[in-house]
C-alpha cells in the first residue's frame, strides 16, 4: 500500500506550479489575440476587395444589355 501523503503532496512547490501555469496562460492568450486580430484584418481586407470588384463595370455591371 502506498503512502497517501507522498501521492498527494507535490514535489514541485505550489508557487512554481502557479507561476508556470500563469506564464503558459498569458502566452497562449496573447498568441491567440495576435493571430485572431491578424485573421480578422485579413478577412476585412478580403471583404472590401470583393465589394470593390463587384461595383465595377463587369459583365453584369452597368452598360450591359
Protein backbone atom coordinates (compact mmCIF):
# COMPACT_ATOMS: atom_id res chain seq x y z
CA UNK A 1 0.00 0.00 0.00
CA UNK A 2 1.37 3.40 -0.96
CA UNK A 3 1.84 6.25 1.41
CA UNK A 4 -1.06 8.65 0.64
CA UNK A 5 0.87 11.71 1.77
CA UNK A 6 3.61 11.08 -0.81
CA UNK A 7 0.99 10.62 -3.52
CA UNK A 8 -0.98 13.79 -2.77
CA UNK A 9 1.77 16.26 -1.85
CA UNK A 10 3.52 17.60 -4.98
CA UNK A 11 7.30 17.54 -5.27
CA UNK A 12 7.27 20.94 -7.02
CA UNK A 13 6.49 23.99 -4.87
CA UNK A 14 2.99 25.41 -5.37
CA UNK A 15 4.32 28.87 -6.25
CA UNK A 16 6.29 27.35 -9.14
CA UNK A 17 3.23 25.49 -10.43
CA UNK A 18 1.18 28.70 -10.24
CA UNK A 19 3.93 30.71 -11.96
CA UNK A 20 4.28 28.20 -14.80
CA UNK A 21 0.52 27.98 -15.25
CA UNK A 22 0.21 31.77 -15.38
CA UNK A 23 3.07 32.06 -17.88
CA UNK A 24 1.54 29.43 -20.16
CA UNK A 25 -1.94 31.01 -19.89
CA UNK A 26 -0.65 34.50 -20.73
CA UNK A 27 1.47 33.18 -23.61
CA UNK A 28 -1.47 31.37 -25.19
CA UNK A 29 -3.77 34.36 -24.53
CA UNK A 30 -1.51 36.87 -26.27
CA UNK A 31 -0.62 34.46 -29.08
CA UNK A 32 -4.27 33.83 -29.89
CA UNK A 33 -5.07 37.52 -29.57
CA UNK A 34 -2.39 38.42 -32.15
CA UNK A 35 -3.33 35.56 -34.51
CA UNK A 36 -7.05 36.28 -34.34
CA UNK A 37 -6.50 40.00 -34.85
CA UNK A 38 -4.34 39.27 -37.91
CA UNK A 39 -7.01 36.89 -39.23
CA UNK A 40 -9.80 39.45 -38.76
CA UNK A 41 -7.76 42.10 -40.60
CA UNK A 42 -7.23 39.66 -43.45
CA UNK A 43 -10.94 38.87 -43.59
CA UNK A 44 -11.84 42.57 -43.57
CA UNK A 45 -9.47 43.31 -46.43
CA UNK A 46 -10.92 40.41 -48.44
CA UNK A 47 -14.42 41.72 -47.77
CA UNK A 48 -13.51 45.21 -49.00
CA UNK A 49 -11.84 43.75 -52.08
CA UNK A 50 -14.93 41.79 -53.04
CA UNK A 51 -17.14 44.88 -52.63
CA UNK A 52 -14.78 46.96 -54.78
CA UNK A 53 -14.63 44.38 -57.56
CA UNK A 54 -18.40 43.84 -57.67
CA UNK A 55 -19.12 47.55 -58.05
CA UNK A 56 -17.04 47.88 -61.24
CA UNK A 57 -18.15 47.65 -64.88
CA UNK A 58 -18.13 43.92 -65.31
CA UNK A 59 -20.24 41.53 -67.40
CA UNK A 60 -23.22 42.10 -65.09
CA UNK A 61 -22.45 45.76 -64.32
CA UNK A 62 -23.84 48.94 -65.86
CA UNK A 63 -23.79 49.22 -69.63
CA UNK A 64 -24.71 45.61 -70.32
CA UNK A 65 -27.86 44.69 -72.15
